Amino acid sequence: MSSKLEKVLYTAHTTTVGARSGHGRSDDGSLDVQLSTPGSGKTGD
């Protein structure tokens, strides 16, 4: 099943380094997250 995209509201670009134990950040800085491996017990902030 597919659905038709009505209107694009926002387009973002991100950079992620370090894979599952890395860091991701959007170009405009509105998203900035620390990633952690699932099951590692570490928080991904």
PDB file of N, CA and C in Angstrom:
ATOM      1  N   MET A   1       0.834  -1.176   0.000  1.00  0.00           N
ATOM      2  CA  MET A   1       0.000   0.000   0.000  1.00  0.00           C
ATOM      3  C   MET A   1       0.881   1.242   0.000  1.00  0.00           C
ATOM      4  N   SER A   2       0.582   2.181  -0.844  1.00  0.00           N
ATOM      5  CA  SER A   2       1.333   3.433  -0.875  1.00  0.00           C
ATOM      6  C   SER A   2       0.377   4.602  -0.736  1.00  0.00           C
ATOM      7  N   SER A   3       0.902   5.699  -0.259  1.00  0.00           N
ATOM      8  CA  SER A   3       0.077   6.890  -0.116  1.00  0.00           C
ATOM      9  C   SER A   3       0.745   8.046  -0.847  1.00  0.00           C
ATOM     10  N   LYS A   4      -0.038   8.967  -1.297  1.00  0.00           N
ATOM     11  CA  LYS A   4       0.450  10.105  -2.052  1.00  0.00           C
ATOM     12  C   LYS A   4       0.906  11.204  -1.092  1.00  0.00           C
ATOM     13  N   LEU A   5       2.080  11.752  -1.341  1.00  0.00           N
ATOM     14  CA  LEU A   5       2.593  12.862  -0.561  1.00  0.00           C
ATOM     15  C   LEU A   5       1.877  14.124  -1.011  1.00  0.00           C
ATOM     16  N   GLU A   6       1.172  14.763  -0.101  1.00  0.00           N
ATOM     17  CA  GLU A   6       0.392  15.945  -0.442  1.00  0.00           C
ATOM     18  C   GLU A   6       1.247  17.202  -0.527  1.00  0.00           C
ATOM     19  N   LYS A   7       2.080  17.439   0.501  1.00  0.00           N
ATOM     20  CA  LYS A   7       2.847  18.673   0.544  1.00  0.00           C
ATOM     21  C   LYS A   7       4.074  18.481   1.437  1.00  0.00           C
ATOM     22  N   VAL A   8       5.234  18.848   0.945  1.00  0.00           N
ATOM     23  CA  VAL A   8       6.450  18.793   1.750  1.00  0.00           C
ATOM     24  C   VAL A   8       6.440  19.993   2.686  1.00  0.00           C
ATOM     25  N   LEU A   9       6.521  19.717   4.001  1.00  0.00           N
ATOM     26  CA  LEU A   9       6.494  20.789   4.987  1.00  0.00           C
ATOM     27  C   LEU A   9       7.886  21.254   5.387  1.00  0.00           C
ATOM     28  N   TYR A  10       8.854  20.333   5.362  1.00  0.00           N
ATOM     29  CA  TYR A  10      10.188  20.668   5.845  1.00  0.00           C
ATOM     30  C   TYR A  10      11.184  19.673   5.271  1.00  0.00           C
ATOM     31  N   THR A  11      12.327  20.147   4.869  1.00  0.00           N
ATOM     32  CA  THR A  11      13.403  19.284   4.408  1.00  0.00           C
ATOM     33  C   THR A  11      14.619  19.542   5.283  1.00  0.00           C
ATOM     34  N   ALA A  12      15.221  18.482   5.782  1.00  0.00           N
ATOM     35  CA  ALA A  12      16.375  18.623   6.668  1.00  0.00           C
ATOM     36  C   ALA A  12      17.557  17.839   6.127  1.00  0.00           C
ATOM     37  N   HIS A  13      18.744  18.282   6.485  1.00  0.00           N
ATOM     38  CA  HIS A  13      19.980  17.581   6.145  1.00  0.00           C
ATOM     39  C   HIS A  13      20.731  17.337   7.439  1.00  0.00           C
ATOM     40  N   THR A  14      21.219  16.124   7.602  1.00  0.00           N
ATOM     41  CA  THR A  14      21.945  15.779   8.824  1.00  0.00           C
ATOM     42  C   THR A  14      23.283  15.140   8.498  1.00  0.00           C
ATOM     43  N   THR A  15      24.160  15.191   9.468  1.00  0.00           N
ATOM     44  CA  THR A  15      25.444  14.513   9.389  1.00  0.00           C
ATOM     45  C   THR A  15      25.545  13.602  10.596  1.00  0.00           C
ATOM     46  N   THR A  16      25.879  12.345  10.359  1.00  0.00           N
ATOM     47  CA  THR A  16      26.026  11.378  11.442  1.00  0.00           C
ATOM     48  C   THR A  16      27.408  10.750  11.340  1.00  0.00           C
ATOM     49  N   VAL A  17      28.110  10.681  12.468  1.00  0.00           N
ATOM     50  CA  VAL A  17      29.430  10.057  12.518  1.00  0.00           C
ATOM     51  C   VAL A  17      29.457   9.028  13.632  1.00  0.00           C
ATOM     52  N   GLY A  18      30.211   7.970  13.440  1.00  0.00           N
ATOM     53  CA  GLY A  18      30.393   6.976  14.490  1.00  0.00           C
ATOM     54  C   GLY A  18      29.357   5.883  14.540  1.00  0.00           C
ATOM     55  N   ALA A  19      28.479   5.799  13.566  1.00  0.00           N
ATOM     56  CA  ALA A  19      27.467   4.738  13.490  1.00  0.00           C
ATOM     57  C   ALA A  19      26.620   4.654  14.753  1.00  0.00           C
ATOM     58  N   ARG A  20      26.466   3.455  15.330  1.00  0.00           N
ATOM     59  CA  ARG A  20      25.563   3.265  16.468  1.00  0.00           C
ATOM     60  C   ARG A  20      26.039   3.928  17.753  1.00  0.00           C
ATOM     61  N   SER A  21      27.306   4.150  17.888  1.00  0.00           N
ATOM     62  CA  SER A  21      27.832   4.818  19.082  1.00  0.00           C
ATOM     63  C   SER A  21      28.382   6.179  18.687  1.00  0.00           C
ATOM     64  N   GLY A  22      27.630   6.890  17.892  1.00  0.00           N
ATOM     65  CA  GLY A  22      28.120   8.140  17.329  1.00  0.00           C
ATOM     66  C   GLY A  22      27.331   9.358  17.734  1.00  0.00           C
ATOM     67  N   HIS A  23      27.306  10.300  16.810  1.00  0.00           N
ATOM     68  CA  HIS A  23      26.687  11.593  17.048  1.00  0.00           C
ATOM     69  C   HIS A  23      26.022  12.051  15.760  1.00  0.00           C
ATOM     70  N   GLY A  24      24.828  12.641  15.878  1.00  0.00           N
ATOM     71  CA  GLY A  24      24.121  13.165  14.722  1.00  0.00           C
ATOM     72  C   GLY A  24      23.722  14.605  14.955  1.00  0.00           C
ATOM     73  N   ARG A  25      23.823  15.430  13.902  1.00  0.00           N
ATOM     74  CA  ARG A  25      23.470  16.840  14.029  1.00  0.00           C
ATOM     75  C   ARG A  25      22.914  17.331  12.705  1.00  0.00           C
ATOM     76  N   SER A  26      21.844  18.129  12.776  1.00  0.00           N
ATOM     77  CA  SER A  26      21.289  18.725  11.569  1.00  0.00           C
ATOM     78  C   SER A  26      22.090  19.970  11.202  1.00  0.00           C
ATOM     79  N   ASP A  27      22.011  20.363   9.929  1.00  0.00           N
ATOM     80  CA  ASP A  27      22.753  21.526   9.447  1.00  0.00           C
ATOM     81  C   ASP A  27      22.399  22.802  10.199  1.00  0.00           C
ATOM     82  N   ASP A  28      21.124  22.946  10.567  1.00  0.00           N
ATOM     83  CA  ASP A  28      20.702  24.168  11.256  1.00  0.00           C
ATOM     84  C   ASP A  28      20.808  24.069  12.777  1.00  0.00           C
ATOM     85  N   GLY A  29      21.246  22.924  13.301  1.00  0.00           N
ATOM     86  CA  GLY A  29      21.437  22.757  14.740  1.00  0.00           C
ATOM     87  C   GLY A  29      20.177  22.462  15.528  1.00  0.00           C
ATOM     88  N   SER A  30      19.031  22.345  14.860  1.00  0.00           N
ATOM     89  CA  SER A  30      17.784  22.085  15.586  1.00  0.00           C
ATOM     90  C   SER A  30      17.708  20.651  16.104  1.00  0.00           C
ATOM     91  N   LEU A  31      18.521  19.759  15.549  1.00  0.00           N
ATOM     92  CA  LEU A  31      18.612  18.378  16.030  1.00  0.00           C
ATOM     93  C   LEU A  31      20.073  18.085  16.326  1.00  0.00           C
ATOM     94  N   ASP A  32      20.357  17.653  17.553  1.00  0.00           N
ATOM     95  CA  ASP A  32      21.721  17.345  17.971  1.00  0.00           C
ATOM     96  C   ASP A  32      21.631  16.190  18.959  1.00  0.00           C
ATOM     97  N   VAL A  33      21.989  14.982  18.531  1.00  0.00           N
ATOM     98  CA  VAL A  33      21.789  13.795  19.361  1.00  0.00           C
ATOM     99  C   VAL A  33      23.055  12.960  19.487  1.00  0.00           C
ATOM    100  N   GLN A  34      23.203  12.335  20.640  1.00  0.00           N
ATOM    101  CA  GLN A  34      24.253  11.354  20.894  1.00  0.00           C
ATOM    102  C   GLN A  34      23.613   9.981  20.716  1.00  0.00           C
ATOM    103  N   LEU A  35      24.226   9.091  19.945  1.00  0.00           N
ATOM    104  CA  LEU A  35      23.673   7.769  19.666  1.00  0.00           C
ATOM    105  C   LEU A  35      24.365   6.716  20.516  1.00  0.00           C
ATOM    106  N   SER A  36      23.634   5.651  20.844  1.00  0.00           N
ATOM    107  CA  SER A  36      24.230   4.539  21.583  1.00  0.00           C
ATOM    108  C   SER A  36      23.752   3.226  20.986  1.00  0.00           C
ATOM    109  N   THR A  37      24.534   2.187  21.153  1.00  0.00           N
ATOM    110  CA  THR A  37      24.205   0.871  20.638  1.00  0.00           C
ATOM    111  C   THR A  37      23.036   0.286  21.425  1.00  0.00           C
ATOM    112  N   PRO A  38      22.007  -0.247  20.741  1.00  0.00           N
ATOM    113  CA  PRO A  38      20.888  -0.870  21.452  1.00  0.00           C
ATOM    114  C   PRO A  38      21.373  -1.975  22.385  1.00  0.00           C
ATOM    115  N   GLY A  39      20.861  -1.998  23.598  1.00  0.00           N
ATOM    116  CA  GLY A  39      21.216  -3.019  24.571  1.00  0.00           C
ATOM    117  C   GLY A  39      22.513  -2.749  25.317  1.00  0.00           C
ATOM    118  N   SER A  40      23.155  -1.610  25.048  1.00  0.00           N
ATOM    119  CA  SER A  40      24.435  -1.309  25.694  1.00  0.00           C
ATOM    120  C   SER A  40      24.265  -0.768  27.110  1.00  0.00           C
ATOM    121  N   GLY A  41      23.051  -0.338  27.450  1.00  0.00           N
ATOM    122  CA  GLY A  41      22.819   0.246  28.767  1.00  0.00           C
ATOM    123  C   GLY A  41      23.185   1.716  28.835  1.00  0.00           C
ATOM    124  N   LYS A  42      23.748   2.249  27.765  1.00  0.00           N
ATOM    125  CA  LYS A  42      24.101   3.668  27.714  1.00  0.00           C
ATOM    126  C   LYS A  42      22.911   4.460  27.199  1.00  0.00           C
ATOM    127  N   THR A  43      22.798   5.709  27.627  1.00  0.00           N
ATOM    128  CA  THR A  43      21.719   6.551  27.126  1.00  0.00           C
ATOM    129  C   THR A  43      22.145   7.197  25.824  1.00  0.00           C
ATOM    130  N   GLY A  44      21.207   7.357  24.939  1.00  0.00           N
ATOM    131  CA  GLY A  44      21.419   8.110  23.714  1.00  0.00           C
ATOM    132  C   GLY A  44      20.709   9.431  23.883  1.00  0.00           C
ATOM    133  N   ASP A  45      21.433  10.467  24.172  1.00  0.00           N
ATOM    134  CA  ASP A  45      20.821  11.769  24.486  1.00  0.00           C
ATOM    135  C   ASP A  45      20.551  12.564  23.242  1.00  0.00           C
TER     136      ASP A  45
END
